[in-house]
């Protein structure tokens, strides 16, 4: 066991510089938001999916494209619209007159990175086409199941629900996203840098891939070897259970949420050049990983209390494990 742990740690040390190159490539496009870029890379290495939610014009689609272009792998983009059909995403069986039989035409979901732009502008029926793909990494059409190749990541952008022409994501869909990212407005200095560097051309034009698909697969495998102590695992369970009994929440975090938080903590620790997870990692990721899965009670909605506020109280109240 000790020899295997040592080999895993050495593999992680060899591969982490590649992850930092990917992060630098993303930061060259998204100016002044290193935390957001690190969180997006954390989701990728945790074999998860990212939901980027923010107001129009802050760079949601640009961030998704930067992640896709920083890795040399297959990328497909889907522009979600009200008239989009589920078969437009998964694919369809078409009749081949020469062969006189039906053949499957793969949809855009058959890619390593799938960019779903403005996902909440499609109908709930179309949104549900992603449920099997995101959780089981496979597509079933006409009774035949087709596996999706690793790495596989869905990066979806959406405007806040208050915007016109949007449909709220169902709970089952939100629960499949490992983390929700929010870019926010840049500070004045970063915005001035953006005007100077990106005012005449798109930053994506000069972005070259920093890694290949096989590099990402190796990174994902190495991240799985990051050690999580029993006390830290229990800390994750305590946080998740606390969301289920909070008086201001009518829906707490699911067991899938606990798994996603554990995997994200491993990836985050690896990006911090550590081979073990600490409670600080759990606290940093609790908001992005758990908040979008929580539903407030009617009283909390009337009082305009957000799930994020309830989660902050839970994180402050749950005891941190001792060394």
Protein backbone atom coordinates (compact mmCIF):
# COMPACT_ATOMS: atom_id res chain seq x y z
CA UNK A 1 0.00 0.00 0.00
CA UNK A 2 2.81 2.42 0.86
CA UNK A 3 4.54 1.71 -2.46
CA UNK A 4 1.31 2.32 -4.39
CA UNK A 5 0.74 5.57 -2.51
CA UNK A 6 4.27 6.70 -3.33
CA UNK A 7 3.82 5.93 -7.01
CA UNK A 8 0.53 7.82 -7.09
CA UNK A 9 2.13 10.83 -5.40
CA UNK A 10 5.02 10.86 -7.89
CA UNK A 11 2.56 10.62 -10.79
CA UNK A 12 0.67 13.57 -9.37
CA UNK A 13 3.86 15.63 -9.06
CA UNK A 14 4.70 14.92 -12.70
CA UNK A 15 1.25 15.85 -13.99
CA UNK A 16 0.37 18.91 -11.90
CA UNK A 17 2.58 21.24 -14.04
CA UNK A 18 0.33 20.35 -16.98
CA UNK A 19 -2.69 21.43 -14.95
CA UNK A 20 -1.01 24.74 -14.15
CA UNK A 21 -0.37 25.29 -17.88
CA UNK A 22 -4.07 24.78 -18.57
CA UNK A 23 -4.92 27.24 -15.80
CA UNK A 24 -2.49 29.83 -17.23
CA UNK A 25 -4.06 29.45 -20.67
CA UNK A 26 -7.52 30.12 -19.23
CA UNK A 27 -6.26 33.12 -17.24
CA UNK A 28 -4.80 34.64 -20.42
CA UNK A 29 -8.36 34.89 -21.74
CA UNK A 30 -10.36 35.65 -18.59
CA UNK A 31 -8.53 38.61 -17.07
CA UNK A 32 -8.60 39.14 -13.32
CA UNK A 33 -10.53 35.98 -12.39
CA UNK A 34 -7.95 33.35 -11.33
CA UNK A 35 -10.28 31.85 -8.70
CA UNK A 36 -12.94 31.18 -11.32
CA UNK A 37 -10.43 29.56 -13.66
CA UNK A 38 -9.11 27.35 -10.85
CA UNK A 39 -12.62 26.28 -9.89
CA UNK A 40 -13.42 25.39 -13.50
CA UNK A 41 -10.24 23.31 -13.74
CA UNK A 42 -11.12 21.66 -10.43
CA UNK A 43 -14.44 20.51 -11.89
CA UNK A 44 -12.68 19.11 -14.96
CA UNK A 45 -10.21 17.07 -12.90
CA UNK A 46 -13.04 15.86 -10.64
CA UNK A 47 -14.81 14.37 -13.70
CA UNK A 48 -17.66 16.77 -13.14
CA UNK A 49 -19.73 19.31 -15.02
CA UNK A 50 -19.77 23.08 -14.58
CA UNK A 51 -22.73 25.46 -14.60
CA UNK A 52 -21.67 29.07 -15.25
CA UNK A 53 -24.43 31.44 -14.13
CA UNK A 54 -24.22 35.20 -14.35
CA UNK A 55 -25.71 38.24 -16.04
CA UNK A 56 -25.08 38.78 -19.79
CA UNK A 57 -21.78 40.18 -20.97
CA UNK A 58 -19.39 39.12 -18.19
CA UNK A 59 -17.69 36.35 -20.20
CA UNK A 60 -19.61 33.12 -19.49
CA UNK A 61 -19.31 31.78 -23.02
CA UNK A 62 -15.74 33.10 -23.29
CA UNK A 63 -14.76 31.13 -20.18
CA UNK A 64 -16.33 27.96 -21.58
CA UNK A 65 -14.52 28.43 -24.90
CA UNK A 66 -11.22 29.12 -23.12
CA UNK A 67 -11.47 25.84 -21.22
CA UNK A 68 -12.27 23.99 -24.43
CA UNK A 69 -9.44 25.54 -26.46
CA UNK A 70 -6.83 25.05 -23.77
CA UNK A 71 -7.17 21.27 -24.23
CA UNK A 72 -6.55 19.55 -27.55
CA UNK A 73 -9.67 17.35 -27.67
CA UNK A 74 -13.03 17.16 -29.44
CA UNK A 75 -15.32 20.09 -28.67
CA UNK A 76 -18.93 20.69 -29.70
CA UNK A 77 -21.15 23.65 -28.97
CA UNK A 78 -24.93 23.61 -28.58
CA UNK A 79 -26.89 26.86 -28.63
CA UNK A 80 -29.96 26.16 -26.52
CA UNK A 81 -33.13 27.73 -27.93
CA UNK A 82 -36.85 27.21 -27.19
CA UNK A 83 -37.30 25.10 -30.35
CA UNK A 84 -34.31 22.79 -29.70
CA UNK A 85 -35.27 19.08 -29.56
CA UNK A 86 -33.68 16.31 -27.46
CA UNK A 87 -32.56 14.52 -30.64
CA UNK A 88 -30.65 17.67 -31.62
CA UNK A 89 -28.38 16.91 -28.67
CA UNK A 90 -28.18 13.13 -28.43
CA UNK A 91 -28.49 12.22 -32.11
CA UNK A 92 -31.06 10.41 -34.20
CA UNK A 93 -31.50 7.15 -36.12
CA UNK A 94 -31.91 7.90 -39.85
CA UNK A 95 -32.88 5.51 -42.61
CA UNK A 96 -30.07 4.71 -45.06
CA UNK A 97 -31.64 3.95 -48.43
CA UNK A 98 -28.48 2.30 -49.80
CA UNK A 99 -28.12 -0.10 -46.87
CA UNK A 100 -31.91 -0.27 -46.31
CA UNK A 101 -31.53 -0.01 -42.59
CA UNK A 102 -31.49 2.62 -39.87
CA UNK A 103 -28.13 4.04 -38.81
CA UNK A 104 -27.34 6.24 -35.86
CA UNK A 105 -26.23 9.83 -36.50
CA UNK A 106 -24.39 11.00 -33.34
CA UNK A 107 -25.34 14.37 -31.90
CA UNK A 108 -23.05 17.03 -30.44
CA UNK A 109 -23.06 15.29 -27.05
CA UNK A 110 -20.48 12.85 -28.47
CA UNK A 111 -17.48 15.05 -27.69
CA UNK A 112 -14.96 15.41 -24.88
CA UNK A 113 -16.13 18.92 -24.02
CA UNK A 114 -19.71 20.00 -24.72
CA UNK A 115 -20.51 23.71 -24.44
CA UNK A 116 -24.19 24.30 -23.73
CA UNK A 117 -24.79 28.01 -24.23
CA UNK A 118 -27.77 29.52 -22.37
CA UNK A 119 -29.06 26.13 -21.28
CA UNK A 120 -32.08 27.58 -19.49
CA UNK A 121 -33.55 28.97 -22.73
CA UNK A 122 -34.49 25.45 -23.86
CA UNK A 123 -37.61 23.65 -22.68
CA UNK A 124 -37.42 21.25 -19.72
CA UNK A 125 -37.95 18.35 -22.13
CA UNK A 126 -34.78 19.26 -24.02
CA UNK A 127 -32.85 19.93 -20.82
CA UNK A 128 -33.70 16.41 -19.63
CA UNK A 129 -31.83 14.97 -22.63
CA UNK A 130 -28.63 15.65 -20.69
CA UNK A 131 -29.58 13.68 -17.58
CA UNK A 132 -28.31 10.28 -18.71
CA UNK A 133 -25.29 11.77 -20.49
CA UNK A 134 -24.04 13.70 -17.47
CA UNK A 135 -24.57 11.03 -14.82
CA UNK A 136 -23.95 7.73 -16.63
CA UNK A 137 -21.73 9.03 -19.45
CA UNK A 138 -23.75 7.20 -22.05
CA UNK A 139 -26.58 7.87 -24.50
CA UNK A 140 -29.51 5.55 -25.17
CA UNK A 141 -31.33 5.99 -28.48
CA UNK A 142 -33.94 3.52 -29.78
CA UNK A 143 -32.97 1.01 -27.12
CA UNK A 144 -29.24 1.02 -27.97
CA UNK A 145 -26.72 2.45 -25.53
CA UNK A 146 -23.67 4.33 -26.79
CA UNK A 147 -20.82 5.12 -24.34
CA UNK A 148 -19.19 8.56 -24.20
CA UNK A 149 -15.40 8.78 -24.32
CA UNK A 150 -13.38 10.21 -21.44
CA UNK A 151 -12.71 12.91 -20.61
CA UNK A 152 -16.31 14.07 -20.84
CA UNK A 153 -17.46 17.39 -19.43
CA UNK A 154 -20.53 19.54 -19.96
CA UNK A 155 -19.93 23.26 -19.51
CA UNK A 156 -23.28 25.04 -19.48
CA UNK A 157 -23.95 28.76 -19.24
CA UNK A 158 -27.18 30.33 -18.14
CA UNK A 159 -28.60 33.72 -17.31
CA UNK A 160 -30.29 34.29 -13.95
CA UNK A 161 -33.87 33.01 -13.81
CA UNK A 162 -35.17 36.57 -13.54
CA UNK A 163 -34.13 37.22 -17.16
CA UNK A 164 -36.86 37.05 -19.82
CA UNK A 165 -37.26 33.90 -21.90
CA UNK A 166 -35.65 31.50 -19.42
CA UNK A 167 -36.81 28.20 -17.91
CA UNK A 168 -35.53 27.24 -14.44
CA UNK A 169 -33.43 24.09 -14.45
CA UNK A 170 -35.18 21.14 -12.75
CA UNK A 171 -33.71 19.85 -9.49
CA UNK A 172 -32.45 16.62 -11.12
CA UNK A 173 -30.56 18.66 -13.71
CA UNK A 174 -28.97 21.03 -11.20
CA UNK A 175 -27.91 18.12 -9.02
CA UNK A 176 -25.83 16.70 -11.88
CA UNK A 177 -23.68 19.82 -12.11
CA UNK A 178 -20.67 19.46 -9.83
CA UNK A 179 -20.31 23.20 -9.23
CA UNK A 180 -21.92 26.48 -10.14
CA UNK A 181 -19.52 29.24 -11.12
CA UNK A 182 -20.15 32.96 -11.10
CA UNK A 183 -17.71 35.25 -12.89
CA UNK A 184 -18.91 38.66 -11.76
CA UNK A 185 -17.75 42.04 -12.96
CA UNK A 186 -13.97 42.63 -13.14
CA UNK A 187 -12.30 45.26 -11.00
CA UNK A 188 -11.41 48.55 -12.76
CA UNK A 189 -7.73 47.61 -13.21
CA UNK A 190 -8.57 44.24 -14.77
CA UNK A 191 -11.20 45.84 -17.00
CA UNK A 192 -8.66 48.40 -18.21
CA UNK A 193 -6.21 45.59 -18.99
CA UNK A 194 -8.97 43.83 -20.90
CA UNK A 195 -9.56 46.95 -23.01
CA UNK A 196 -5.86 47.29 -23.76
CA UNK A 197 -5.17 43.65 -24.61
CA UNK A 198 -8.48 42.47 -26.07
CA UNK A 199 -9.86 45.65 -27.57
CA UNK A 200 -8.70 44.95 -31.12
CA UNK A 201 -8.85 41.14 -31.31
CA UNK A 202 -10.34 38.15 -29.54
CA UNK A 203 -8.02 36.54 -26.95
CA UNK A 204 -9.15 33.12 -28.19
CA UNK A 205 -7.39 33.69 -31.53
CA UNK A 206 -3.95 33.39 -29.92
CA UNK A 207 -4.81 30.63 -27.44
CA UNK A 208 -3.01 27.36 -28.15
CA UNK A 209 -3.77 24.02 -26.42
CA UNK A 210 -1.77 23.47 -23.25
CA UNK A 211 -2.57 19.76 -22.94
CA UNK A 212 -4.05 16.80 -24.80
CA UNK A 213 -6.98 14.58 -23.96
CA UNK A 214 -4.67 11.81 -22.73
CA UNK A 215 -3.00 14.30 -20.37
CA UNK A 216 -6.37 15.13 -18.85
CA UNK A 217 -7.20 11.43 -18.48
CA UNK A 218 -3.89 10.88 -16.68
CA UNK A 219 -4.55 13.88 -14.42
CA UNK A 220 -8.01 12.58 -13.52
CA UNK A 221 -6.55 9.19 -12.64
CA UNK A 222 -3.82 10.78 -10.52
CA UNK A 223 -6.26 13.01 -8.66
CA UNK A 224 -8.20 9.94 -7.51
CA UNK A 225 -5.15 8.96 -5.44
CA UNK A 226 -5.25 12.13 -3.31
CA UNK A 227 -5.70 11.08 0.31
CA UNK A 228 -8.83 12.04 2.25
CA UNK A 229 -8.61 11.31 5.98
CA UNK A 230 -11.61 9.73 7.75
CA UNK A 231 -12.12 12.90 9.80
CA UNK A 232 -12.39 15.00 6.62
CA UNK A 233 -14.85 12.52 5.12
CA UNK A 234 -16.96 12.77 8.26
CA UNK A 235 -16.76 16.57 8.03
CA UNK A 236 -18.25 16.40 4.52
CA UNK A 237 -21.06 14.16 5.77
CA UNK A 238 -21.76 16.51 8.69
CA UNK A 239 -22.07 19.49 6.32
CA UNK A 240 -24.37 17.64 3.94
CA UNK A 241 -26.59 16.33 6.76
CA UNK A 242 -26.83 19.83 8.23
CA UNK A 243 -28.35 21.13 4.98
CA UNK A 244 -31.11 18.51 5.25
CA UNK A 245 -32.20 19.70 8.69
CA UNK A 246 -31.74 23.46 8.25
CA UNK A 247 -35.03 25.25 9.06
CA UNK A 248 -34.71 27.65 6.10
CA UNK A 249 -34.19 24.88 3.51
CA UNK A 250 -36.90 22.55 2.21
CA UNK A 251 -34.44 20.52 0.09
CA UNK A 252 -30.93 19.77 1.29
CA UNK A 253 -27.91 18.30 -0.46
CA UNK A 254 -28.16 14.80 -1.92
CA UNK A 255 -25.74 11.87 -1.49
CA UNK A 256 -24.54 12.69 -5.02
CA UNK A 257 -23.65 16.15 -3.72
CA UNK A 258 -21.45 14.59 -1.02
CA UNK A 259 -19.65 12.52 -3.66
CA UNK A 260 -19.15 15.55 -5.88
CA UNK A 261 -17.78 17.55 -2.95
CA UNK A 262 -15.31 14.78 -2.11
CA UNK A 263 -14.07 14.51 -5.70
CA UNK A 264 -13.81 18.29 -6.06
CA UNK A 265 -11.80 18.51 -2.83
CA UNK A 266 -9.32 15.95 -4.18
CA UNK A 267 -8.86 17.94 -7.39
CA UNK A 268 -8.57 21.25 -5.53
CA UNK A 269 -5.93 19.81 -3.19
CA UNK A 270 -3.95 18.53 -6.17
CA UNK A 271 -4.00 21.99 -7.78
CA UNK A 272 -2.66 23.34 -4.48
CA UNK A 273 0.29 20.91 -4.85
CA UNK A 274 -0.92 18.71 -2.01
CA UNK A 275 -1.48 14.95 -1.98
CA UNK A 276 -4.06 15.18 0.81
CA UNK A 277 -7.28 17.08 1.50
CA UNK A 278 -7.64 19.50 4.42
CA UNK A 279 -10.85 20.96 5.93
CA UNK A 280 -10.09 24.31 4.30
CA UNK A 281 -10.61 22.68 0.89
CA UNK A 282 -14.07 21.56 1.97
CA UNK A 283 -14.99 25.04 3.19
CA UNK A 284 -13.79 26.71 -0.01
CA UNK A 285 -15.77 24.35 -2.23
CA UNK A 286 -18.91 23.99 -0.11
CA UNK A 287 -20.54 27.05 -1.66
CA UNK A 288 -19.86 26.32 -5.36
CA UNK A 289 -20.66 22.60 -5.00
CA UNK A 290 -23.69 22.64 -2.68
CA UNK A 291 -25.50 25.99 -2.93
CA UNK A 292 -27.15 25.48 -6.33
CA UNK A 293 -28.71 22.20 -5.15
CA UNK A 294 -30.50 23.72 -2.15
CA UNK A 295 -34.10 24.95 -2.21
CA UNK A 296 -35.32 27.53 0.34
CA UNK A 297 -38.60 27.28 2.20
CA UNK A 298 -41.52 29.56 1.37
CA UNK A 299 -40.76 31.64 4.45
CA UNK A 300 -37.13 32.07 3.36
CA UNK A 301 -38.27 33.15 -0.10
CA UNK A 302 -40.59 35.76 1.41
CA UNK A 303 -37.74 36.95 3.60
CA UNK A 304 -35.43 37.06 0.56
CA UNK A 305 -32.95 34.71 2.19
CA UNK A 306 -30.76 32.93 -0.32
CA UNK A 307 -29.61 29.31 0.05
CA UNK A 308 -26.04 30.63 0.02
CA UNK A 309 -26.72 32.50 3.26
CA UNK A 310 -28.10 29.38 4.93
CA UNK A 311 -25.07 27.41 3.74
CA UNK A 312 -22.68 30.03 5.14
CA UNK A 313 -24.31 29.65 8.55
CA UNK A 314 -24.02 25.86 8.33
CA UNK A 315 -20.33 26.03 7.45
CA UNK A 316 -19.75 28.40 10.37
CA UNK A 317 -21.62 26.16 12.83
CA UNK A 318 -20.42 22.66 11.91
CA UNK A 319 -17.30 21.84 13.97
CA UNK A 320 -14.06 21.57 12.00
CA UNK A 321 -12.20 18.28 12.58
CA UNK A 322 -9.09 18.56 14.70
CA UNK A 323 -5.71 17.38 13.51
